[in-house]
Amino acid sequence: MSFQDRIKRDISKVFLDTRFFAEKRTVRYDEEEYTDIPVSLQEVGQDERQPKVDDHAQGFYLAGAVLFCAQSDLSGVMPEQGTWLEINSPEAPHFFERYRVLSSFCEMGMLKVELEVTAQ
């Protein structure tokens, strides 16, 4: 077994193991729903939103998160910058948080998707 084959195997057996690093969530993207896939969603903080001229969204903040999942769990799809993605809450499975995709990257089958959500 090659090194790359071992890494691909470890994506689900180690990095996305729901006993340790990941949890089962439902992801909606591009009118498709991917039910109960193992993901790791890491909140990365919040920054005050920089208002534009004549912008009436004062007091809003940009919160960030990074989603890690196997690309195969999204049927090989790579989320595109500027599109929207929804992820359900583990505490309330019927509630979905909506995120805007800032960037996405895939290496050896593991997706890293940087996300942004506007919160008040």
PDB file of N, CA and C in Angstrom:
ATOM      1  N   MET A   1       0.854  -1.177   0.000  1.00  0.00           N
ATOM      2  CA  MET A   1       0.000   0.000   0.000  1.00  0.00           C
ATOM      3  C   MET A   1       0.897   1.236   0.000  1.00  0.00           C
ATOM      4  N   SER A   2       0.610   2.171  -0.904  1.00  0.00           N
ATOM      5  CA  SER A   2       1.429   3.380  -1.012  1.00  0.00           C
ATOM      6  C   SER A   2       1.103   4.360   0.112  1.00  0.00           C
ATOM      7  N   PHE A   3       1.960   5.347   0.275  1.00  0.00           N
ATOM      8  CA  PHE A   3       1.748   6.380   1.288  1.00  0.00           C
ATOM      9  C   PHE A   3       0.433   7.109   1.048  1.00  0.00           C
ATOM     10  N   GLN A   4       0.151   7.467  -0.216  1.00  0.00           N
ATOM     11  CA  GLN A   4      -1.095   8.172  -0.535  1.00  0.00           C
ATOM     12  C   GLN A   4      -2.315   7.303  -0.239  1.00  0.00           C
ATOM     13  N   ASP A   5      -2.224   6.015  -0.506  1.00  0.00           N
ATOM     14  CA  ASP A   5      -3.329   5.104  -0.185  1.00  0.00           C
ATOM     15  C   ASP A   5      -3.568   5.061   1.322  1.00  0.00           C
ATOM     16  N   ARG A   6      -2.499   5.075   2.086  1.00  0.00           N
ATOM     17  CA  ARG A   6      -2.635   5.065   3.553  1.00  0.00           C
ATOM     18  C   ARG A   6      -3.270   6.357   4.062  1.00  0.00           C
ATOM     19  N   ILE A   7      -2.889   7.481   3.466  1.00  0.00           N
ATOM     20  CA  ILE A   7      -3.486   8.765   3.860  1.00  0.00           C
ATOM     21  C   ILE A   7      -4.979   8.765   3.550  1.00  0.00           C
ATOM     22  N   LYS A   8      -5.349   8.313   2.366  1.00  0.00           N
ATOM     23  CA  LYS A   8      -6.771   8.259   1.990  1.00  0.00           C
ATOM     24  C   LYS A   8      -7.550   7.368   2.954  1.00  0.00           C
ATOM     25  N   ARG A   9      -6.964   6.254   3.357  1.00  0.00           N
ATOM     26  CA  ARG A   9      -7.613   5.365   4.321  1.00  0.00           C
ATOM     27  C   ARG A   9      -7.755   6.059   5.675  1.00  0.00           C
ATOM     28  N   ASP A  10      -6.728   6.806   6.064  1.00  0.00           N
ATOM     29  CA  ASP A  10      -6.734   7.470   7.360  1.00  0.00           C
ATOM     30  C   ASP A  10      -7.729   8.629   7.446  1.00  0.00           C
ATOM     31  N   ILE A  11      -8.164   9.151   6.306  1.00  0.00           N
ATOM     32  CA  ILE A  11      -9.154  10.229   6.338  1.00  0.00           C
ATOM     33  C   ILE A  11     -10.366   9.797   7.145  1.00  0.00           C
ATOM     34  N   SER A  12     -10.905   8.633   6.855  1.00  0.00           N
ATOM     35  CA  SER A  12     -12.097   8.179   7.575  1.00  0.00           C
ATOM     36  C   SER A  12     -11.760   7.434   8.858  1.00  0.00           C
ATOM     37  N   LYS A  13     -10.642   6.743   8.879  1.00  0.00           N
ATOM     38  CA  LYS A  13     -10.300   5.939  10.048  1.00  0.00           C
ATOM     39  C   LYS A  13      -9.665   6.737  11.184  1.00  0.00           C
ATOM     40  N   VAL A  14      -9.128   7.927  10.878  1.00  0.00           N
ATOM     41  CA  VAL A  14      -8.472   8.729  11.913  1.00  0.00           C
ATOM     42  C   VAL A  14      -9.040  10.145  11.950  1.00  0.00           C
ATOM     43  N   PHE A  15      -8.810  10.926  10.905  1.00  0.00           N
ATOM     44  CA  PHE A  15      -9.164  12.343  10.915  1.00  0.00           C
ATOM     45  C   PHE A  15     -10.667  12.577  11.051  1.00  0.00           C
ATOM     46  N   LEU A  16     -11.474  11.749  10.424  1.00  0.00           N
ATOM     47  CA  LEU A  16     -12.927  11.928  10.467  1.00  0.00           C
ATOM     48  C   LEU A  16     -13.614  10.834  11.278  1.00  0.00           C
ATOM     49  N   ASP A  17     -12.893  10.280  12.237  1.00  0.00           N
ATOM     50  CA  ASP A  17     -13.453   9.277  13.142  1.00  0.00           C
ATOM     51  C   ASP A  17     -14.404   9.982  14.106  1.00  0.00           C
ATOM     52  N   THR A  18     -15.669   9.583  14.102  1.00  0.00           N
ATOM     53  CA  THR A  18     -16.677  10.267  14.930  1.00  0.00           C
ATOM     54  C   THR A  18     -16.508   9.984  16.420  1.00  0.00           C
ATOM     55  N   ARG A  19     -15.637   9.077  16.782  1.00  0.00           N
ATOM     56  CA  ARG A  19     -15.365   8.862  18.212  1.00  0.00           C
ATOM     57  C   ARG A  19     -14.386   9.887  18.758  1.00  0.00           C
ATOM     58  N   PHE A  20     -13.642  10.553  17.875  1.00  0.00           N
ATOM     59  CA  PHE A  20     -12.592  11.439  18.342  1.00  0.00           C
ATOM     60  C   PHE A  20     -12.701  12.862  17.788  1.00  0.00           C
ATOM     61  N   PHE A  21     -12.583  13.037  16.474  1.00  0.00           N
ATOM     62  CA  PHE A  21     -12.429  14.367  15.896  1.00  0.00           C
ATOM     63  C   PHE A  21     -13.651  14.894  15.155  1.00  0.00           C
ATOM     64  N   ALA A  22     -14.523  14.031  14.708  1.00  0.00           N
ATOM     65  CA  ALA A  22     -15.620  14.448  13.830  1.00  0.00           C
ATOM     66  C   ALA A  22     -16.969  14.112  14.447  1.00  0.00           C
ATOM     67  N   GLU A  23     -18.000  14.641  13.816  1.00  0.00           N
ATOM     68  CA  GLU A  23     -19.359  14.292  14.204  1.00  0.00           C
ATOM     69  C   GLU A  23     -20.210  14.201  12.946  1.00  0.00           C
ATOM     70  N   LYS A  24     -21.266  13.424  13.034  1.00  0.00           N
ATOM     71  CA  LYS A  24     -22.149  13.248  11.883  1.00  0.00           C
ATOM     72  C   LYS A  24     -23.027  14.483  11.735  1.00  0.00           C
ATOM     73  N   ARG A  25     -22.999  15.061  10.551  1.00  0.00           N
ATOM     74  CA  ARG A  25     -23.816  16.234  10.241  1.00  0.00           C
ATOM     75  C   ARG A  25     -24.417  16.050   8.859  1.00  0.00           C
ATOM     76  N   THR A  26     -25.445  16.841   8.586  1.00  0.00           N
ATOM     77  CA  THR A  26     -26.019  16.888   7.250  1.00  0.00           C
ATOM     78  C   THR A  26     -25.577  18.191   6.605  1.00  0.00           C
ATOM     79  N   VAL A  27     -25.072  18.091   5.383  1.00  0.00           N
ATOM     80  CA  VAL A  27     -24.567  19.246   4.648  1.00  0.00           C
ATOM     81  C   VAL A  27     -25.433  19.428   3.407  1.00  0.00           C
ATOM     82  N   ARG A  28     -25.843  20.666   3.168  1.00  0.00           N
ATOM     83  CA  ARG A  28     -26.574  21.001   1.946  1.00  0.00           C
ATOM     84  C   ARG A  28     -25.687  21.911   1.106  1.00  0.00           C
ATOM     85  N   TYR A  29     -25.532  21.514  -0.153  1.00  0.00           N
ATOM     86  CA  TYR A  29     -24.737  22.323  -1.064  1.00  0.00           C
ATOM     87  C   TYR A  29     -25.235  22.110  -2.486  1.00  0.00           C
ATOM     88  N   ASP A  30     -25.415  23.187  -3.210  1.00  0.00           N
ATOM     89  CA  ASP A  30     -25.788  23.148  -4.625  1.00  0.00           C
ATOM     90  C   ASP A  30     -27.028  22.275  -4.851  1.00  0.00           C
ATOM     91  N   GLU A  31     -28.039  22.521  -4.019  1.00  0.00           N
ATOM     92  CA  GLU A  31     -29.337  21.829  -4.095  1.00  0.00           C
ATOM     93  C   GLU A  31     -29.256  20.326  -3.839  1.00  0.00           C
ATOM     94  N   GLU A  32     -28.174  19.876  -3.235  1.00  0.00           N
ATOM     95  CA  GLU A  32     -28.024  18.473  -2.842  1.00  0.00           C
ATOM     96  C   GLU A  32     -27.902  18.404  -1.330  1.00  0.00           C
ATOM     97  N   GLU A  33     -28.377  17.308  -0.752  1.00  0.00           N
ATOM     98  CA  GLU A  33     -28.264  17.109   0.691  1.00  0.00           C
ATOM     99  C   GLU A  33     -27.451  15.846   0.941  1.00  0.00           C
ATOM    100  N   TYR A  34     -26.410  15.983   1.737  1.00  0.00           N
ATOM    101  CA  TYR A  34     -25.515  14.885   2.088  1.00  0.00           C
ATOM    102  C   TYR A  34     -25.759  14.578   3.563  1.00  0.00           C
ATOM    103  N   THR A  35     -26.491  13.501   3.825  1.00  0.00           N
ATOM    104  CA  THR A  35     -27.004  13.198   5.155  1.00  0.00           C
ATOM    105  C   THR A  35     -26.015  12.392   5.984  1.00  0.00           C
ATOM    106  N   ASP A  36     -25.864  12.832   7.239  1.00  0.00           N
ATOM    107  CA  ASP A  36     -25.065  12.110   8.239  1.00  0.00           C
ATOM    108  C   ASP A  36     -23.673  11.732   7.766  1.00  0.00           C
ATOM    109  N   ILE A  37     -22.939  12.734   7.273  1.00  0.00           N
ATOM    110  CA  ILE A  37     -21.558  12.481   6.880  1.00  0.00           C
ATOM    111  C   ILE A  37     -20.633  12.959   8.002  1.00  0.00           C
ATOM    112  N   PRO A  38     -19.508  12.301   8.210  1.00  0.00           N
ATOM    113  CA  PRO A  38     -18.584  12.744   9.256  1.00  0.00           C
ATOM    114  C   PRO A  38     -17.848  14.016   8.820  1.00  0.00           C
ATOM    115  N   VAL A  39     -17.956  15.036   9.649  1.00  0.00           N
ATOM    116  CA  VAL A  39     -17.283  16.305   9.378  1.00  0.00           C
ATOM    117  C   VAL A  39     -16.630  16.807  10.659  1.00  0.00           C
ATOM    118  N   SER A  40     -15.658  17.648  10.479  1.00  0.00           N
ATOM    119  CA  SER A  40     -15.075  18.401  11.585  1.00  0.00           C
ATOM    120  C   SER A  40     -15.294  19.868  11.249  1.00  0.00           C
ATOM    121  N   LEU A  41     -16.084  20.550  12.070  1.00  0.00           N
ATOM    122  CA  LEU A  41     -16.381  21.963  11.859  1.00  0.00           C
ATOM    123  C   LEU A  41     -15.728  22.736  12.996  1.00  0.00           C
ATOM    124  N   GLN A  42     -14.756  23.568  12.639  1.00  0.00           N
ATOM    125  CA  GLN A  42     -14.001  24.303  13.645  1.00  0.00           C
ATOM    126  C   GLN A  42     -14.274  25.795  13.520  1.00  0.00           C
ATOM    127  N   GLU A  43     -14.810  26.372  14.580  1.00  0.00           N
ATOM    128  CA  GLU A  43     -15.054  27.809  14.611  1.00  0.00           C
ATOM    129  C   GLU A  43     -13.699  28.502  14.766  1.00  0.00           C
ATOM    130  N   VAL A  44     -13.474  29.578  14.001  1.00  0.00           N
ATOM    131  CA  VAL A  44     -12.172  30.236  14.042  1.00  0.00           C
ATOM    132  C   VAL A  44     -12.242  31.684  14.507  1.00  0.00           C
ATOM    133  N   GLY A  45     -13.346  32.071  15.100  1.00  0.00           N
ATOM    134  CA  GLY A  45     -13.415  33.413  15.654  1.00  0.00           C
ATOM    135  C   GLY A  45     -14.375  34.312  14.926  1.00  0.00           C
ATOM    136  N   GLN A  46     -14.352  35.566  15.356  1.00  0.00           N
ATOM    137  CA  GLN A  46     -15.287  36.528  14.791  1.00  0.00           C
ATOM    138  C   GLN A  46     -14.610  37.884  14.735  1.00  0.00           C
ATOM    139  N   ASP A  47     -14.844  38.606  13.646  1.00  0.00           N
ATOM    140  CA  ASP A  47     -14.277  39.928  13.433  1.00  0.00           C
ATOM    141  C   ASP A  47     -15.396  40.911  13.177  1.00  0.00           C
ATOM    142  N   GLU A  48     -15.176  42.142  13.576  1.00  0.00           N
ATOM    143  CA  GLU A  48     -16.170  43.158  13.274  1.00  0.00           C
ATOM    144  C   GLU A  48     -16.183  43.392  11.779  1.00  0.00           C
ATOM    145  N   ARG A  49     -17.378  43.413  11.232  1.00  0.00           N
ATOM    146  CA  ARG A  49     -17.565  43.586   9.798  1.00  0.00           C
ATOM    147  C   ARG A  49     -17.162  44.995   9.408  1.00  0.00           C
ATOM    148  N   GLN A  50     -16.425  45.122   8.315  1.00  0.00           N
ATOM    149  CA  GLN A  50     -16.022  46.426   7.809  1.00  0.00           C
ATOM    150  C   GLN A  50     -17.142  46.971   6.926  1.00  0.00           C
ATOM    151  N   PRO A  51     -17.847  48.014   7.384  1.00  0.00           N
ATOM    152  CA  PRO A  51     -18.975  48.520   6.597  1.00  0.00           C
ATOM    153  C   PRO A  51     -18.520  49.209   5.322  1.00  0.00           C
ATOM    154  N   LYS A  52     -19.375  49.114   4.312  1.00  0.00           N
ATOM    155  CA  LYS A  52     -19.143  49.810   3.049  1.00  0.00           C
ATOM    156  C   LYS A  52     -19.880  51.144   3.117  1.00  0.00           C
ATOM    157  N   VAL A  53     -19.606  52.026   2.188  1.00  0.00           N
ATOM    158  CA  VAL A  53     -20.274  53.324   2.144  1.00  0.00           C
ATOM    159  C   VAL A  53     -21.778  53.098   2.005  1.00  0.00           C
ATOM    160  N   ASP A  54     -22.565  53.845   2.791  1.00  0.00           N
ATOM    161  CA  ASP A  54     -24.029  53.746   2.783  1.00  0.00           C
ATOM    162  C   ASP A  54     -24.511  52.327   3.083  1.00  0.00           C
ATOM    163  N   ASP A  55     -23.792  51.635   3.924  1.00  0.00           N
ATOM    164  CA  ASP A  55     -24.148  50.270   4.311  1.00  0.00           C
ATOM    165  C   ASP A  55     -24.986  50.358   5.587  1.00  0.00           C
ATOM    166  N   HIS A  56     -26.128  49.734   5.615  1.00  0.00           N
ATOM    167  CA  HIS A  56     -27.020  49.808   6.771  1.00  0.00           C
ATOM    168  C   HIS A  56     -26.957  48.543   7.617  1.00  0.00           C
ATOM    169  N   ALA A  57     -25.816  47.912   7.661  1.00  0.00           N
ATOM    170  CA  ALA A  57     -25.654  46.667   8.416  1.00  0.00           C
ATOM    171  C   ALA A  57     -24.735  46.872   9.608  1.00  0.00           C
ATOM    172  N   GLN A  58     -24.875  48.005  10.286  1.00  0.00           N
ATOM    173  CA  GLN A  58     -24.046  48.271  11.459  1.00  0.00           C
ATOM    174  C   GLN A  58     -24.311  47.245  12.541  1.00  0.00           C
ATOM    175  N   GLY A  59     -23.267  46.895  13.275  1.00  0.00           N
ATOM    176  CA  GLY A  59     -23.409  45.965  14.381  1.00  0.00           C
ATOM    177  C   GLY A  59     -23.333  44.511  13.982  1.00  0.00           C
ATOM    178  N   PHE A  60     -23.124  44.225  12.719  1.00  0.00           N
ATOM    179  CA  PHE A  60     -23.000  42.843  12.282  1.00  0.00           C
ATOM    180  C   PHE A  60     -21.548  42.413  12.371  1.00  0.00           C
ATOM    181  N   TYR A  61     -21.352  41.143  12.602  1.00  0.00           N
ATOM    182  CA  TYR A  61     -20.015  40.583  12.721  1.00  0.00           C
ATOM    183  C   TYR A  61     -19.863  39.429  11.741  1.00  0.00           C
ATOM    184  N   LEU A  62     -18.639  39.203  11.301  1.00  0.00           N
ATOM    185  CA  LEU A  62     -18.334  38.064  10.449  1.00  0.00           C
ATOM    186  C   LEU A  62     -17.693  36.990  11.312  1.00  0.00           C
ATOM    187  N   ALA A  63     -18.328  35.845  11.371  1.00  0.00           N
ATOM    188  CA  ALA A  63     -17.767  34.721  12.101  1.00  0.00           C
ATOM    189  C   ALA A  63     -17.230  33.732  11.087  1.00  0.00           C
ATOM    190  N   GLY A  64     -16.152  33.108  11.425  1.00  0.00           N
ATOM    191  CA  GLY A  64     -15.554  32.172  10.495  1.00  0.00           C
ATOM    192  C   GLY A  64     -15.547  30.756  11.027  1.00  0.00           C
ATOM    193  N   ALA A  65     -15.470  29.824  10.110  1.00  0.00           N
ATOM    194  CA  ALA A  65     -15.374  28.418  10.460  1.00  0.00           C
ATOM    195  C   ALA A  65     -14.626  27.708   9.339  1.00  0.00           C
ATOM    196  N   VAL A  66     -14.095  26.553   9.669  1.00  0.00           N
ATOM    197  CA  VAL A  66     -13.434  25.715   8.677  1.00  0.00           C
ATOM    198  C   VAL A  66     -14.077  24.337   8.744  1.00  0.00           C
ATOM    199  N   LEU A  67     -14.504  23.866   7.587  1.00  0.00           N
ATOM    200  CA  LEU A  67     -15.128  22.550   7.475  1.00  0.00           C
ATOM    201  C   LEU A  67     -14.119  21.583   6.879  1.00  0.00           C
ATOM    202  N   PHE A  68     -13.952  20.442   7.524  1.00  0.00           N
ATOM    203  CA  PHE A  68     -13.135  19.356   6.993  1.00  0.00           C
ATOM    204  C   PHE A  68     -14.051  18.161   6.763  1.00  0.00           C
ATOM    205  N   CYS A  69     -13.982  17.584   5.578  1.00  0.00           N
ATOM    206  CA  CYS A  69     -14.744  16.375   5.281  1.00  0.00           C
ATOM    207  C   CYS A  69     -14.095  15.664   4.107  1.00  0.00           C
ATOM    208  N   ALA A  70     -14.497  14.428   3.898  1.00  0.00           N
ATOM    209  CA  ALA A  70     -13.989  13.671   2.756  1.00  0.00           C
ATOM    210  C   ALA A  70     -14.703  14.148   1.497  1.00  0.00           C
ATOM    211  N   GLN A  71     -13.957  14.395   0.445  1.00  0.00           N
ATOM    212  CA  GLN A  71     -14.569  14.840  -0.797  1.00  0.00           C
ATOM    213  C   GLN A  71     -15.540  13.785  -1.322  1.00  0.00           C
ATOM    214  N   SER A  72     -15.257  12.535  -1.085  1.00  0.00           N
ATOM    215  CA  SER A  72     -16.148  11.456  -1.536  1.00  0.00           C
ATOM    216  C   SER A  72     -17.511  11.528  -0.851  1.00  0.00           C
ATOM    217  N   ASP A  73     -17.565  12.052   0.383  1.00  0.00           N
ATOM    218  CA  ASP A  73     -18.846  12.194   1.086  1.00  0.00           C
ATOM    219  C   ASP A  73     -19.731  13.274   0.472  1.00  0.00           C
ATOM    220  N   LEU A  74     -19.132  14.169  -0.314  1.00  0.00           N
ATOM    221  CA  LEU A  74     -19.898  15.175  -1.053  1.00  0.00           C
ATOM    222  C   LEU A  74     -19.996  14.780  -2.526  1.00  0.00           C
ATOM    223  N   SER A  75     -19.938  13.494  -2.793  1.00  0.00           N
ATOM    224  CA  SER A  75     -20.025  12.947  -4.154  1.00  0.00           C
ATOM    225  C   SER A  75     -18.981  13.546  -5.090  1.00  0.00           C
ATOM    226  N   GLY A  76     -17.809  13.849  -4.553  1.00  0.00           N
ATOM    227  CA  GLY A  76     -16.720  14.378  -5.370  1.00  0.00           C
ATOM    228  C   GLY A  76     -16.798  15.871  -5.641  1.00  0.00           C
ATOM    229  N   VAL A  77     -17.795  16.540  -5.092  1.00  0.00           N
ATOM    230  CA  VAL A  77     -17.994  17.973  -5.324  1.00  0.00           C
ATOM    231  C   VAL A  77     -16.979  18.786  -4.525  1.00  0.00           C
ATOM    232  N   MET A  78     -16.513  19.888  -5.120  1.00  0.00           N
ATOM    233  CA  MET A  78     -15.654  20.845  -4.425  1.00  0.00           C
ATOM    234  C   MET A  78     -16.422  22.159  -4.346  1.00  0.00           C
ATOM    235  N   PRO A  79     -16.832  22.600  -3.133  1.00  0.00           N
ATOM    236  CA  PRO A  79     -17.575  23.863  -3.020  1.00  0.00           C
ATOM    237  C   PRO A  79     -16.786  25.030  -3.606  1.00  0.00           C
ATOM    238  N   GLU A  80     -17.485  25.887  -4.348  1.00  0.00           N
ATOM    239  CA  GLU A  80     -16.849  27.007  -5.031  1.00  0.00           C
ATOM    240  C   GLU A  80     -16.952  28.288  -4.213  1.00  0.00           C
ATOM    241  N   GLN A  81     -15.937  29.122  -4.335  1.00  0.00           N
ATOM    242  CA  GLN A  81     -15.887  30.406  -3.641  1.00  0.00           C
ATOM    243  C   GLN A  81     -17.119  31.230  -3.992  1.00  0.00           C
ATOM    244  N   GLY A  82     -17.724  31.843  -2.957  1.00  0.00           N
ATOM    245  CA  GLY A  82     -18.879  32.711  -3.155  1.00  0.00           C
ATOM    246  C   GLY A  82     -20.219  31.999  -3.129  1.00  0.00           C
ATOM    247  N   THR A  83     -20.214  30.672  -3.111  1.00  0.00           N
ATOM    248  CA  THR A  83     -21.468  29.930  -3.046  1.00  0.00           C
ATOM    249  C   THR A  83     -21.871  29.738  -1.586  1.00  0.00           C
ATOM    250  N   TRP A  84     -23.069  29.191  -1.377  1.00  0.00           N
ATOM    251  CA  TRP A  84     -23.586  28.993  -0.029  1.00  0.00           C
ATOM    252  C   TRP A  84     -23.634  27.514   0.300  1.00  0.00           C
ATOM    253  N   LEU A  85     -23.403  27.223   1.577  1.00  0.00           N
ATOM    254  CA  LEU A  85     -23.388  25.865   2.088  1.00  0.00           C
ATOM    255  C   LEU A  85     -24.113  25.890   3.430  1.00  0.00           C
ATOM    256  N   GLU A  86     -24.893  24.880   3.726  1.00  0.00           N
ATOM    257  CA  GLU A  86     -25.603  24.801   4.997  1.00  0.00           C
ATOM    258  C   GLU A  86     -25.190  23.534   5.739  1.00  0.00           C
ATOM    259  N   ILE A  87     -25.055  23.663   7.055  1.00  0.00           N
ATOM    260  CA  ILE A  87     -24.672  22.530   7.900  1.00  0.00           C
ATOM    261  C   ILE A  87     -25.625  22.502   9.085  1.00  0.00           C
ATOM    262  N   ASN A  88     -26.158  21.318   9.388  1.00  0.00           N
ATOM    263  CA  ASN A  88     -27.105  21.261  10.499  1.00  0.00           C
ATOM    264  C   ASN A  88     -26.390  21.278  11.848  1.00  0.00           C
ATOM    265  N   SER A  89     -27.152  21.583  12.872  1.00  0.00           N
ATOM    266  CA  SER A  89     -26.638  21.653  14.233  1.00  0.00           C
ATOM    267  C   SER A  89     -26.734  20.274  14.876  1.00  0.00           C
ATOM    268  N   PRO A  90     -25.707  19.845  15.625  1.00  0.00           N
ATOM    269  CA  PRO A  90     -25.800  18.539  16.282  1.00  0.00           C
ATOM    270  C   PRO A  90     -26.863  18.523  17.390  1.00  0.00           C
ATOM    271  N   GLU A  91     -27.097  19.682  18.010  1.00  0.00           N
ATOM    272  CA  GLU A  91     -28.089  19.766  19.080  1.00  0.00           C
ATOM    273  C   GLU A  91     -29.516  19.854  18.544  1.00  0.00           C
ATOM    274  N   ALA A  92     -29.682  20.456  17.372  1.00  0.00           N
ATOM    275  CA  ALA A  92     -30.991  20.615  16.740  1.00  0.00           C
ATOM    276  C   ALA A  92     -30.853  20.220  15.271  1.00  0.00           C
ATOM    277  N   PRO A  93     -30.963  18.932  14.970  1.00  0.00           N
ATOM    278  CA  PRO A  93     -30.669  18.437  13.621  1.00  0.00           C
ATOM    279  C   PRO A  93     -31.494  19.053  12.497  1.00  0.00           C
ATOM    280  N   HIS A  94     -32.632  19.655  12.810  1.00  0.00           N
ATOM    281  CA  HIS A  94     -33.460  20.262  11.765  1.00  0.00           C
ATOM    282  C   HIS A  94     -33.128  21.739  11.546  1.00  0.00           C
ATOM    283  N   PHE A  95     -32.199  22.274  12.329  1.00  0.00           N
ATOM    284  CA  PHE A  95     -31.755  23.656  12.178  1.00  0.00           C
ATOM    285  C   PHE A  95     -30.443  23.663  11.406  1.00  0.00           C
ATOM    286  N   PHE A  96     -30.395  24.470  10.344  1.00  0.00           N
ATOM    287  CA  PHE A  96     -29.196  24.561   9.510  1.00  0.00           C
ATOM    288  C   PHE A  96     -28.614  25.969   9.593  1.00  0.00           C
ATOM    289  N   GLU A  97     -27.302  26.038   9.800  1.00  0.00           N
ATOM    290  CA  GLU A  97     -26.569  27.306   9.756  1.00  0.00           C
ATOM    291  C   GLU A  97     -26.111  27.505   8.321  1.00  0.00           C
ATOM    292  N   ARG A  98     -26.261  28.727   7.818  1.00  0.00           N
ATOM    293  CA  ARG A  98     -25.897  29.019   6.432  1.00  0.00           C
ATOM    294  C   ARG A  98     -24.540  29.724   6.402  1.00  0.00           C
ATOM    295  N   TYR A  99     -23.637  29.233   5.569  1.00  0.00           N
ATOM    296  CA  TYR A  99     -22.290  29.763   5.441  1.00  0.00           C
ATOM    297  C   TYR A  99     -22.010  30.126   3.985  1.00  0.00           C
ATOM    298  N   ARG A 100     -21.190  31.137   3.806  1.00  0.00           N
ATOM    299  CA  ARG A 100     -20.694  31.484   2.472  1.00  0.00           C
ATOM    300  C   ARG A 100     -19.293  30.903   2.347  1.00  0.00           C
ATOM    301  N   VAL A 101     -19.021  30.248   1.230  1.00  0.00           N
ATOM    302  CA  VAL A 101     -17.719  29.620   1.002  1.00  0.00           C
ATOM    303  C   VAL A 101     -16.707  30.701   0.625  1.00  0.00           C
ATOM    304  N   LEU A 102     -15.645  30.815   1.420  1.00  0.00           N
ATOM    305  CA  LEU A 102     -14.562  31.753   1.125  1.00  0.00           C
ATOM    306  C   LEU A 102     -13.505  31.102   0.242  1.00  0.00           C
ATOM    307  N   SER A 103     -13.207  29.845   0.528  1.00  0.00           N
ATOM    308  CA  SER A 103     -12.240  29.102  -0.279  1.00  0.00           C
ATOM    309  C   SER A 103     -12.406  27.621   0.013  1.00  0.00           C
ATOM    310  N   SER A 104     -11.929  26.813  -0.906  1.00  0.00           N
ATOM    311  CA  SER A 104     -11.931  25.369  -0.668  1.00  0.00           C
ATOM    312  C   SER A 104     -10.668  24.782  -1.282  1.00  0.00           C
ATOM    313  N   PHE A 105     -10.231  23.719  -0.682  1.00  0.00           N
ATOM    314  CA  PHE A 105      -8.982  23.085  -1.078  1.00  0.00           C
ATOM    315  C   PHE A 105      -9.125  21.590  -0.829  1.00  0.00           C
ATOM    316  N   CYS A 106      -8.624  20.782  -1.717  1.00  0.00           N
ATOM    317  CA  CYS A 106      -8.671  19.334  -1.540  1.00  0.00           C
ATOM    318  C   CYS A 106      -7.270  18.768  -1.680  1.00  0.00           C
ATOM    319  N   GLU A 107      -6.899  17.958  -0.706  1.00  0.00           N
ATOM    320  CA  GLU A 107      -5.609  17.274  -0.786  1.00  0.00           C
ATOM    321  C   GLU A 107      -5.811  15.825  -0.384  1.00  0.00           C
ATOM    322  N   MET A 108      -5.485  14.937  -1.293  1.00  0.00           N
ATOM    323  CA  MET A 108      -5.598  13.495  -1.085  1.00  0.00           C
ATOM    324  C   MET A 108      -6.983  13.079  -0.594  1.00  0.00           C
ATOM    325  N   GLY A 109      -8.019  13.735  -1.096  1.00  0.00           N
ATOM    326  CA  GLY A 109      -9.389  13.347  -0.776  1.00  0.00           C
ATOM    327  C   GLY A 109     -10.010  14.059   0.407  1.00  0.00           C
ATOM    328  N   MET A 110      -9.229  14.866   1.127  1.00  0.00           N
ATOM    329  CA  MET A 110      -9.756  15.611   2.277  1.00  0.00           C
ATOM    330  C   MET A 110     -10.029  17.047   1.853  1.00  0.00           C
ATOM    331  N   LEU A 111     -11.280  17.494   2.074  1.00  0.00           N
ATOM    332  CA  LEU A 111     -11.652  18.875   1.775  1.00  0.00           C
ATOM    333  C   LEU A 111     -11.423  19.765   2.986  1.00  0.00           C
ATOM    334  N   LYS A 112     -10.902  20.942   2.727  1.00  0.00           N
ATOM    335  CA  LYS A 112     -10.815  22.000   3.729  1.00  0.00           C
ATOM    336  C   LYS A 112     -11.563  23.182   3.123  1.00  0.00           C
ATOM    337  N   VAL A 113     -12.684  23.564   3.740  1.00  0.00           N
ATOM    338  CA  VAL A 113     -13.529  24.621   3.207  1.00  0.00           C
ATOM    339  C   VAL A 113     -13.605  25.736   4.241  1.00  0.00           C
ATOM    340  N   GLU A 114     -13.084  26.917   3.892  1.00  0.00           N
ATOM    341  CA  GLU A 114     -13.162  28.072   4.780  1.00  0.00           C
ATOM    342  C   GLU A 114     -14.508  28.743   4.561  1.00  0.00           C
ATOM    343  N   LEU A 115     -15.200  29.022   5.672  1.00  0.00           N
ATOM    344  CA  LEU A 115     -16.575  29.505   5.634  1.00  0.00           C
ATOM    345  C   LEU A 115     -16.718  30.820   6.386  1.00  0.00           C
ATOM    346  N   GLU A 116     -17.773  31.550   6.024  1.00  0.00           N
ATOM    347  CA  GLU A 116     -18.087  32.812   6.678  1.00  0.00           C
ATOM    348  C   GLU A 116     -19.579  32.841   6.947  1.00  0.00           C
ATOM    349  N   VAL A 117     -19.959  33.318   8.115  1.00  0.00           N
ATOM    350  CA  VAL A 117     -21.361  33.498   8.451  1.00  0.00           C
ATOM    351  C   VAL A 117     -21.509  34.896   9.036  1.00  0.00           C
ATOM    352  N   THR A 118     -22.572  35.583   8.692  1.00  0.00           N
ATOM    353  CA  THR A 118     -22.821  36.911   9.253  1.00  0.00           C
ATOM    354  C   THR A 118     -23.736  36.742  10.454  1.00  0.00           C
ATOM    355  N   ALA A 119     -23.302  37.258  11.591  1.00  0.00           N
ATOM    356  CA  ALA A 119     -24.078  37.147  12.823  1.00  0.00           C
ATOM    357  C   ALA A 119     -24.235  38.520  13.459  1.00  0.00           C
ATOM    358  N   GLN A 120     -25.286  38.671  14.239  1.00  0.00           N
ATOM    359  CA  GLN A 120     -25.530  39.964  14.905  1.00  0.00           C
ATOM    360  C   GLN A 120     -25.346  39.791  16.388  1.00  0.00           C
TER     361      GLN A 120
END
